[in-house]
Amino acid sequence: MLGVELHLENDRAALLAPYLTKLVGSPIGTLKKALEWDQRWSSGRGRLLVRYPLTEDRNTVARTLIELIGATRSLVAETITNLAKNGKSEA
C-alpha cells in the first residue's frame, strides 16, 4: 500500500488536527479518492492520507501529493498564525 500523507509528528503540530480533520472525505487526486484521517499515527497525533495500491501509476500518486499540499498549505499557515495570535503554542 502507498500513502500520500500529511503527518503531525510533534505535540505542537497536533494542534492542527481539529482543522485537518475537517478535510476528511474530501475527494483528492485524479481518481478523486476520499481523504482519510488516521488518529493512531505518531502517538495519537494523527495523519491525513490517501491510500493507493502498490500498482498505482506513479504519476497519479505524485499528482495527488501535489494536490494534497495545495489543499492544506493555506489552512496550515492560517491556523499556525491564528494559534500564535491567540497565545497557543506555535505548530
PDB file of N, CA and C in Angstrom:
ATOM      1  N   MET A   1       0.842  -1.178   0.000  1.00  0.00           N
ATOM      2  CA  MET A   1       0.000   0.000   0.000  1.00  0.00           C
ATOM      3  C   MET A   1       0.890   1.244   0.000  1.00  0.00           C
ATOM      4  N   LEU A   2       0.542   2.208  -0.803  1.00  0.00           N
ATOM      5  CA  LEU A   2       1.213   3.511  -0.837  1.00  0.00           C
ATOM      6  C   LEU A   2       0.313   4.530  -0.167  1.00  0.00           C
ATOM      7  N   GLY A   3       0.928   5.489   0.478  1.00  0.00           N
ATOM      8  CA  GLY A   3       0.157   6.553   1.089  1.00  0.00           C
ATOM      9  C   GLY A   3       0.685   7.917   0.698  1.00  0.00           C
ATOM     10  N   VAL A   4      -0.225   8.816   0.382  1.00  0.00           N
ATOM     11  CA  VAL A   4       0.084  10.235   0.229  1.00  0.00           C
ATOM     12  C   VAL A   4      -0.414  10.844   1.521  1.00  0.00           C
ATOM     13  N   GLU A   5       0.507  11.401   2.332  1.00  0.00           N
ATOM     14  CA  GLU A   5       0.178  11.683   3.725  1.00  0.00           C
ATOM     15  C   GLU A   5       0.732  13.016   4.225  1.00  0.00           C
ATOM     16  N   LEU A   6       0.007  13.580   5.174  1.00  0.00           N
ATOM     17  CA  LEU A   6       0.464  14.741   5.933  1.00  0.00           C
ATOM     18  C   LEU A   6       0.477  14.304   7.394  1.00  0.00           C
ATOM     19  N   HIS A   7       1.671  14.187   7.971  1.00  0.00           N
ATOM     20  CA  HIS A   7       1.845  13.683   9.337  1.00  0.00           C
ATOM     21  C   HIS A   7       1.947  14.824  10.338  1.00  0.00           C
ATOM     22  N   LEU A   8       1.397  14.612  11.512  1.00  0.00           N
ATOM     23  CA  LEU A   8       1.584  15.518  12.645  1.00  0.00           C
ATOM     24  C   LEU A   8       2.555  14.827  13.588  1.00  0.00           C
ATOM     25  N   GLU A   9       3.806  15.227  13.536  1.00  0.00           N
ATOM     26  CA  GLU A   9       4.881  14.480  14.183  1.00  0.00           C
ATOM     27  C   GLU A   9       5.289  14.977  15.563  1.00  0.00           C
ATOM     28  N   ASN A  10       4.742  16.093  16.021  1.00  0.00           N
ATOM     29  CA  ASN A  10       5.079  16.536  17.379  1.00  0.00           C
ATOM     30  C   ASN A  10       3.838  17.156  18.028  1.00  0.00           C
ATOM     31  N   ASP A  11       3.937  17.405  19.323  1.00  0.00           N
ATOM     32  CA  ASP A  11       2.768  17.894  20.066  1.00  0.00           C
ATOM     33  C   ASP A  11       2.293  19.256  19.573  1.00  0.00           C
ATOM     34  N   ARG A  12       3.207  20.116  19.163  1.00  0.00           N
ATOM     35  CA  ARG A  12       2.779  21.427  18.650  1.00  0.00           C
ATOM     36  C   ARG A  12       2.013  21.271  17.349  1.00  0.00           C
ATOM     37  N   ALA A  13       2.497  20.396  16.479  1.00  0.00           N
ATOM     38  CA  ALA A  13       1.797  20.159  15.208  1.00  0.00           C
ATOM     39  C   ALA A  13       0.430  19.520  15.435  1.00  0.00           C
ATOM     40  N   ALA A  14       0.273  18.777  16.528  1.00  0.00           N
ATOM     41  CA  ALA A  14      -1.008  18.126  16.836  1.00  0.00           C
ATOM     42  C   ALA A  14      -2.136  19.137  17.006  1.00  0.00           C
ATOM     43  N   LEU A  15      -1.800  20.393  17.274  1.00  0.00           N
ATOM     44  CA  LEU A  15      -2.829  21.441  17.370  1.00  0.00           C
ATOM     45  C   LEU A  15      -3.571  21.640  16.046  1.00  0.00           C
ATOM     46  N   LEU A  16      -2.983  21.171  14.956  1.00  0.00           N
ATOM     47  CA  LEU A  16      -3.608  21.293  13.637  1.00  0.00           C
ATOM     48  C   LEU A  16      -4.687  20.234  13.391  1.00  0.00           C
ATOM     49  N   ALA A  17      -4.700  19.178  14.182  1.00  0.00           N
ATOM     50  CA  ALA A  17      -5.604  18.048  13.938  1.00  0.00           C
ATOM     51  C   ALA A  17      -7.069  18.453  13.793  1.00  0.00           C
ATOM     52  N   PRO A  18      -7.623  19.278  14.683  1.00  0.00           N
ATOM     53  CA  PRO A  18      -9.046  19.623  14.528  1.00  0.00           C
ATOM     54  C   PRO A  18      -9.358  20.334  13.212  1.00  0.00           C
ATOM     55  N   TYR A  19      -8.403  21.008  12.665  1.00  0.00           N
ATOM     56  CA  TYR A  19      -8.603  21.737  11.410  1.00  0.00           C
ATOM     57  C   TYR A  19      -8.441  20.815  10.207  1.00  0.00           C
ATOM     58  N   LEU A  20      -7.451  19.928  10.273  1.00  0.00           N
ATOM     59  CA  LEU A  20      -7.215  18.995   9.171  1.00  0.00           C
ATOM     60  C   LEU A  20      -8.315  17.947   9.065  1.00  0.00           C
ATOM     61  N   THR A  21      -8.878  17.542  10.188  1.00  0.00           N
ATOM     62  CA  THR A  21      -9.931  16.518  10.133  1.00  0.00           C
ATOM     63  C   THR A  21     -11.185  17.018   9.422  1.00  0.00           C
ATOM     64  N   LYS A  22     -11.328  18.304   9.282  1.00  0.00           N
ATOM     65  CA  LYS A  22     -12.468  18.851   8.533  1.00  0.00           C
ATOM     66  C   LYS A  22     -12.385  18.495   7.046  1.00  0.00           C
ATOM     67  N   LEU A  23     -11.194  18.108   6.591  1.00  0.00           N
ATOM     68  CA  LEU A  23     -10.997  17.744   5.183  1.00  0.00           C
ATOM     69  C   LEU A  23     -11.311  16.275   4.897  1.00  0.00           C
ATOM     70  N   VAL A  24     -11.534  15.484   5.947  1.00  0.00           N
ATOM     71  CA  VAL A  24     -11.798  14.055   5.776  1.00  0.00           C
ATOM     72  C   VAL A  24     -13.016  13.859   4.874  1.00  0.00           C
ATOM     73  N   GLY A  25     -12.867  12.967   3.928  1.00  0.00           N
ATOM     74  CA  GLY A  25     -13.937  12.683   2.976  1.00  0.00           C
ATOM     75  C   GLY A  25     -13.863  13.507   1.706  1.00  0.00           C
ATOM     76  N   SER A  26     -13.064  14.562   1.712  1.00  0.00           N
ATOM     77  CA  SER A  26     -12.914  15.394   0.515  1.00  0.00           C
ATOM     78  C   SER A  26     -12.218  14.595  -0.580  1.00  0.00           C
ATOM     79  N   PRO A  27     -12.702  14.699  -1.809  1.00  0.00           N
ATOM     80  CA  PRO A  27     -12.049  13.992  -2.907  1.00  0.00           C
ATOM     81  C   PRO A  27     -10.757  14.691  -3.310  1.00  0.00           C
ATOM     82  N   ILE A  28      -9.746  13.898  -3.618  1.00  0.00           N
ATOM     83  CA  ILE A  28      -8.456  14.472  -3.980  1.00  0.00           C
ATOM     84  C   ILE A  28      -7.775  13.589  -5.015  1.00  0.00           C
ATOM     85  N   GLY A  29      -6.966  14.185  -5.853  1.00  0.00           N
ATOM     86  CA  GLY A  29      -6.222  13.453  -6.870  1.00  0.00           C
ATOM     87  C   GLY A  29      -7.060  13.189  -8.103  1.00  0.00           C
ATOM     88  N   THR A  30      -6.411  12.655  -9.124  1.00  0.00           N
ATOM     89  CA  THR A  30      -7.105  12.406 -10.391  1.00  0.00           C
ATOM     90  C   THR A  30      -8.171  11.327 -10.261  1.00  0.00           C
ATOM     91  N   LEU A  31      -8.013  10.433  -9.276  1.00  0.00           N
ATOM     92  CA  LEU A  31      -9.016   9.391  -9.060  1.00  0.00           C
ATOM     93  C   LEU A  31     -10.085   9.824  -8.065  1.00  0.00           C
ATOM     94  N   LYS A  32      -9.954  11.037  -7.536  1.00  0.00           N
ATOM     95  CA  LYS A  32     -10.915  11.604  -6.582  1.00  0.00           C
ATOM     96  C   LYS A  32     -11.171  10.672  -5.394  1.00  0.00           C
ATOM     97  N   LYS A  33     -10.078  10.177  -4.841  1.00  0.00           N
ATOM     98  CA  LYS A  33     -10.172   9.328  -3.657  1.00  0.00           C
ATOM     99  C   LYS A  33     -10.444  10.196  -2.433  1.00  0.00           C
ATOM    100  N   ALA A  34     -11.180   9.668  -1.481  1.00  0.00           N
ATOM    101  CA  ALA A  34     -11.540  10.429  -0.285  1.00  0.00           C
ATOM    102  C   ALA A  34     -10.368  10.484   0.700  1.00  0.00           C
ATOM    103  N   LEU A  35     -10.119  11.688   1.241  1.00  0.00           N
ATOM    104  CA  LEU A  35      -9.109  11.830   2.285  1.00  0.00           C
ATOM    105  C   LEU A  35      -9.547  11.089   3.546  1.00  0.00           C
ATOM    106  N   GLU A  36      -8.596  10.456   4.199  1.00  0.00           N
ATOM    107  CA  GLU A  36      -8.856   9.715   5.437  1.00  0.00           C
ATOM    108  C   GLU A  36      -8.066  10.352   6.576  1.00  0.00           C
ATOM    109  N   TRP A  37      -8.487  10.078   7.797  1.00  0.00           N
ATOM    110  CA  TRP A  37      -7.762  10.513   8.988  1.00  0.00           C
ATOM    111  C   TRP A  37      -7.382   9.268   9.782  1.00  0.00           C
ATOM    112  N   ASP A  38      -6.123   9.184  10.174  1.00  0.00           N
ATOM    113  CA  ASP A  38      -5.633   8.077  10.986  1.00  0.00           C
ATOM    114  C   ASP A  38      -5.155   8.658  12.314  1.00  0.00           C
ATOM    115  N   GLN A  39      -5.978   8.565  13.337  1.00  0.00           N
ATOM    116  CA  GLN A  39      -5.675   9.146  14.646  1.00  0.00           C
ATOM    117  C   GLN A  39      -4.558   8.392  15.369  1.00  0.00           C
ATOM    118  N   ARG A  40      -4.325   7.144  14.990  1.00  0.00           N
ATOM    119  CA  ARG A  40      -3.314   6.334  15.682  1.00  0.00           C
ATOM    120  C   ARG A  40      -1.888   6.747  15.349  1.00  0.00           C
ATOM    121  N   TRP A  41      -1.702   7.481  14.273  1.00  0.00           N
ATOM    122  CA  TRP A  41      -0.358   7.808  13.805  1.00  0.00           C
ATOM    123  C   TRP A  41       0.386   8.700  14.787  1.00  0.00           C
ATOM    124  N   SER A  42       1.670   8.479  14.946  1.00  0.00           N
ATOM    125  CA  SER A  42       2.572   9.317  15.744  1.00  0.00           C
ATOM    126  C   SER A  42       2.032   9.573  17.156  1.00  0.00           C
ATOM    127  N   SER A  43       1.849   8.502  17.878  1.00  0.00           N
ATOM    128  CA  SER A  43       1.398   8.574  19.282  1.00  0.00           C
ATOM    129  C   SER A  43       0.074   9.315  19.439  1.00  0.00           C
ATOM    130  N   GLY A  44      -0.830   9.114  18.480  1.00  0.00           N
ATOM    131  CA  GLY A  44      -2.152   9.711  18.564  1.00  0.00           C
ATOM    132  C   GLY A  44      -2.252  11.126  18.035  1.00  0.00           C
ATOM    133  N   ARG A  45      -1.197  11.620  17.407  1.00  0.00           N
ATOM    134  CA  ARG A  45      -1.243  12.984  16.844  1.00  0.00           C
ATOM    135  C   ARG A  45      -2.007  13.009  15.518  1.00  0.00           C
ATOM    136  N   GLY A  46      -1.898  11.935  14.763  1.00  0.00           N
ATOM    137  CA  GLY A  46      -2.689  11.783  13.548  1.00  0.00           C
ATOM    138  C   GLY A  46      -1.973  12.091  12.251  1.00  0.00           C
ATOM    139  N   ARG A  47      -2.658  11.697  11.179  1.00  0.00           N
ATOM    140  CA  ARG A  47      -2.196  11.978   9.817  1.00  0.00           C
ATOM    141  C   ARG A  47      -3.394  12.007   8.881  1.00  0.00           C
ATOM    142  N   LEU A  48      -3.304  12.855   7.879  1.00  0.00           N
ATOM    143  CA  LEU A  48      -4.284  12.958   6.807  1.00  0.00           C
ATOM    144  C   LEU A  48      -3.702  12.175   5.636  1.00  0.00           C
ATOM    145  N   LEU A  49      -4.496  11.313   4.991  1.00  0.00           N
ATOM    146  CA  LEU A  49      -3.900  10.473   3.955  1.00  0.00           C
ATOM    147  C   LEU A  49      -4.891   9.993   2.914  1.00  0.00           C
ATOM    148  N   VAL A  50      -4.304   9.535   1.826  1.00  0.00           N
ATOM    149  CA  VAL A  50      -4.988   8.821   0.753  1.00  0.00           C
ATOM    150  C   VAL A  50      -4.152   7.576   0.496  1.00  0.00           C
ATOM    151  N   ARG A  51      -4.812   6.443   0.347  1.00  0.00           N
ATOM    152  CA  ARG A  51      -4.108   5.179   0.126  1.00  0.00           C
ATOM    153  C   ARG A  51      -4.244   4.738  -1.332  1.00  0.00           C
ATOM    154  N   TYR A  52      -3.156   4.164  -1.845  1.00  0.00           N
ATOM    155  CA  TYR A  52      -3.140   3.602  -3.190  1.00  0.00           C
ATOM    156  C   TYR A  52      -2.510   2.216  -3.151  1.00  0.00           C
ATOM    157  N   PRO A  53      -2.919   1.334  -4.051  1.00  0.00           N
ATOM    158  CA  PRO A  53      -2.239   0.048  -4.154  1.00  0.00           C
ATOM    159  C   PRO A  53      -0.834   0.259  -4.740  1.00  0.00           C
ATOM    160  N   LEU A  54       0.055  -0.664  -4.470  1.00  0.00           N
ATOM    161  CA  LEU A  54       1.425  -0.560  -4.974  1.00  0.00           C
ATOM    162  C   LEU A  54       1.473  -0.518  -6.499  1.00  0.00           C
ATOM    163  N   THR A  55       0.448  -0.969  -7.146  1.00  0.00           N
ATOM    164  CA  THR A  55       0.404  -1.000  -8.611  1.00  0.00           C
ATOM    165  C   THR A  55      -0.072   0.312  -9.236  1.00  0.00           C
ATOM    166  N   GLU A  56      -0.435   1.283  -8.397  1.00  0.00           N
ATOM    167  CA  GLU A  56      -0.963   2.558  -8.935  1.00  0.00           C
ATOM    168  C   GLU A  56       0.122   3.282  -9.728  1.00  0.00           C
ATOM    169  N   ASP A  57      -0.284   3.931 -10.793  1.00  0.00           N
ATOM    170  CA  ASP A  57       0.630   4.711 -11.623  1.00  0.00           C
ATOM    171  C   ASP A  57       1.312   5.792 -10.797  1.00  0.00           C
ATOM    172  N   ARG A  58       2.616   5.901 -10.904  1.00  0.00           N
ATOM    173  CA  ARG A  58       3.379   6.865 -10.091  1.00  0.00           C
ATOM    174  C   ARG A  58       2.958   8.304 -10.359  1.00  0.00           C
ATOM    175  N   ASN A  59       2.536   8.607 -11.568  1.00  0.00           N
ATOM    176  CA  ASN A  59       2.098   9.972 -11.867  1.00  0.00           C
ATOM    177  C   ASN A  59       0.804  10.311 -11.128  1.00  0.00           C
ATOM    178  N   THR A  60      -0.066   9.341 -10.977  1.00  0.00           N
ATOM    179  CA  THR A  60      -1.298   9.547 -10.214  1.00  0.00           C
ATOM    180  C   THR A  60      -0.969   9.860  -8.761  1.00  0.00           C
ATOM    181  N   VAL A  61      -0.047   9.091  -8.197  1.00  0.00           N
ATOM    182  CA  VAL A  61       0.358   9.292  -6.803  1.00  0.00           C
ATOM    183  C   VAL A  61       1.024  10.661  -6.644  1.00  0.00           C
ATOM    184  N   ALA A  62       1.915  11.012  -7.557  1.00  0.00           N
ATOM    185  CA  ALA A  62       2.616  12.297  -7.477  1.00  0.00           C
ATOM    186  C   ALA A  62       1.643  13.469  -7.598  1.00  0.00           C
ATOM    187  N   ARG A  63       0.675  13.366  -8.492  1.00  0.00           N
ATOM    188  CA  ARG A  63      -0.314  14.449  -8.642  1.00  0.00           C
ATOM    189  C   ARG A  63      -1.168  14.587  -7.371  1.00  0.00           C
ATOM    190  N   THR A  64      -1.448  13.468  -6.746  1.00  0.00           N
ATOM    191  CA  THR A  64      -2.214  13.516  -5.502  1.00  0.00           C
ATOM    192  C   THR A  64      -1.422  14.222  -4.409  1.00  0.00           C
ATOM    193  N   LEU A  65      -0.119  13.957  -4.332  1.00  0.00           N
ATOM    194  CA  LEU A  65       0.720  14.638  -3.346  1.00  0.00           C
ATOM    195  C   LEU A  65       0.720  16.141  -3.584  1.00  0.00           C
ATOM    196  N   ILE A  66       0.863  16.555  -4.819  1.00  0.00           N
ATOM    197  CA  ILE A  66       0.838  17.979  -5.149  1.00  0.00           C
ATOM    198  C   ILE A  66      -0.516  18.589  -4.775  1.00  0.00           C
ATOM    199  N   GLU A  67      -1.583  17.867  -5.055  1.00  0.00           N
ATOM    200  CA  GLU A  67      -2.922  18.369  -4.723  1.00  0.00           C
ATOM    201  C   GLU A  67      -3.138  18.433  -3.207  1.00  0.00           C
ATOM    202  N   LEU A  68      -2.615  17.450  -2.462  1.00  0.00           N
ATOM    203  CA  LEU A  68      -2.738  17.472  -1.005  1.00  0.00           C
ATOM    204  C   LEU A  68      -2.001  18.676  -0.423  1.00  0.00           C
ATOM    205  N   ILE A  69      -0.824  18.960  -0.940  1.00  0.00           N
ATOM    206  CA  ILE A  69      -0.080  20.143  -0.492  1.00  0.00           C
ATOM    207  C   ILE A  69      -0.897  21.402  -0.778  1.00  0.00           C
ATOM    208  N   GLY A  70      -1.441  21.494  -1.973  1.00  0.00           N
ATOM    209  CA  GLY A  70      -2.248  22.654  -2.326  1.00  0.00           C
ATOM    210  C   GLY A  70      -3.501  22.793  -1.475  1.00  0.00           C
ATOM    211  N   ALA A  71      -4.108  21.668  -1.115  1.00  0.00           N
ATOM    212  CA  ALA A  71      -5.340  21.686  -0.330  1.00  0.00           C
ATOM    213  C   ALA A  71      -5.103  22.035   1.139  1.00  0.00           C
ATOM    214  N   THR A  72      -3.895  21.815   1.631  1.00  0.00           N
ATOM    215  CA  THR A  72      -3.637  22.010   3.063  1.00  0.00           C
ATOM    216  C   THR A  72      -2.710  23.182   3.382  1.00  0.00           C
ATOM    217  N   ARG A  73      -1.987  23.663   2.421  1.00  0.00           N
ATOM    218  CA  ARG A  73      -0.956  24.676   2.678  1.00  0.00           C
ATOM    219  C   ARG A  73      -1.503  25.935   3.345  1.00  0.00           C
ATOM    220  N   SER A  74      -2.528  26.530   2.776  1.00  0.00           N
ATOM    221  CA  SER A  74      -3.053  27.777   3.345  1.00  0.00           C
ATOM    222  C   SER A  74      -3.752  27.511   4.678  1.00  0.00           C
ATOM    223  N   LEU A  75      -4.449  26.386   4.791  1.00  0.00           N
ATOM    224  CA  LEU A  75      -5.105  26.034   6.052  1.00  0.00           C
ATOM    225  C   LEU A  75      -4.077  25.908   7.176  1.00  0.00           C
ATOM    226  N   VAL A  76      -2.981  25.225   6.909  1.00  0.00           N
ATOM    227  CA  VAL A  76      -1.936  25.054   7.917  1.00  0.00           C
ATOM    228  C   VAL A  76      -1.313  26.402   8.276  1.00  0.00           C
ATOM    229  N   ALA A  77      -0.984  27.209   7.275  1.00  0.00           N
ATOM    230  CA  ALA A  77      -0.359  28.513   7.532  1.00  0.00           C
ATOM    231  C   ALA A  77      -1.297  29.427   8.329  1.00  0.00           C
ATOM    232  N   GLU A  78      -2.558  29.495   7.939  1.00  0.00           N
ATOM    233  CA  GLU A  78      -3.525  30.346   8.648  1.00  0.00           C
ATOM    234  C   GLU A  78      -3.752  29.866  10.076  1.00  0.00           C
ATOM    235  N   THR A  79      -3.840  28.566  10.256  1.00  0.00           N
ATOM    236  CA  THR A  79      -4.063  28.013  11.588  1.00  0.00           C
ATOM    237  C   THR A  79      -2.886  28.300  12.504  1.00  0.00           C
ATOM    238  N   ILE A  80      -1.690  28.141  12.005  1.00  0.00           N
ATOM    239  CA  ILE A  80      -0.498  28.441  12.803  1.00  0.00           C
ATOM    240  C   ILE A  80      -0.487  29.909  13.196  1.00  0.00           C
ATOM    241  N   THR A  81      -0.794  30.780  12.258  1.00  0.00           N
ATOM    242  CA  THR A  81      -0.833  32.214  12.545  1.00  0.00           C
ATOM    243  C   THR A  81      -1.886  32.531  13.606  1.00  0.00           C
ATOM    244  N   ASN A  82      -3.080  31.964  13.463  1.00  0.00           N
ATOM    245  CA  ASN A  82      -4.155  32.224  14.430  1.00  0.00           C
ATOM    246  C   ASN A  82      -3.836  31.664  15.803  1.00  0.00           C
ATOM    247  N   LEU A  83      -3.253  30.483  15.855  1.00  0.00           N
ATOM    248  CA  LEU A  83      -2.882  29.906  17.146  1.00  0.00           C
ATOM    249  C   LEU A  83      -1.820  30.770  17.837  1.00  0.00           C
ATOM    250  N   ALA A  84      -0.877  31.283  17.081  1.00  0.00           N
ATOM    251  CA  ALA A  84       0.165  32.135  17.638  1.00  0.00           C
ATOM    252  C   ALA A  84      -0.440  33.434  18.161  1.00  0.00           C
ATOM    253  N   LYS A  85      -1.397  34.006  17.435  1.00  0.00           N
ATOM    254  CA  LYS A  85      -2.050  35.245  17.869  1.00  0.00           C
ATOM    255  C   LYS A  85      -2.848  35.036  19.141  1.00  0.00           C
ATOM    256  N   ASN A  86      -3.400  33.846  19.302  1.00  0.00           N
ATOM    257  CA  ASN A  86      -4.218  33.551  20.475  1.00  0.00           C
ATOM    258  C   ASN A  86      -3.399  33.002  21.644  1.00  0.00           C
ATOM    259  N   GLY A  87      -2.088  33.037  21.515  1.00  0.00           N
ATOM    260  CA  GLY A  87      -1.209  32.650  22.606  1.00  0.00           C
ATOM    261  C   GLY A  87      -1.022  31.166  22.803  1.00  0.00           C
ATOM    262  N   LYS A  88      -1.438  30.350  21.842  1.00  0.00           N
ATOM    263  CA  LYS A  88      -1.205  28.917  21.961  1.00  0.00           C
ATOM    264  C   LYS A  88       0.147  28.598  21.352  1.00  0.00           C
ATOM    265  N   SER A  89       0.687  27.455  21.720  1.00  0.00           N
ATOM    266  CA  SER A  89       1.984  27.047  21.177  1.00  0.00           C
ATOM    267  C   SER A  89       1.923  27.019  19.673  1.00  0.00           C
ATOM    268  N   GLU A  90       2.961  27.532  19.053  1.00  0.00           N
ATOM    269  CA  GLU A  90       3.028  27.533  17.605  1.00  0.00           C
ATOM    270  C   GLU A  90       3.242  26.134  17.097  1.00  0.00           C
ATOM    271  N   ALA A  91       2.516  25.763  16.049  1.00  0.00           N
ATOM    272  CA  ALA A  91       2.619  24.392  15.481  1.00  0.00           C
ATOM    273  C   ALA A  91       3.845  24.246  14.610  1.00  0.00           C
TER     274      ALA A  91
END
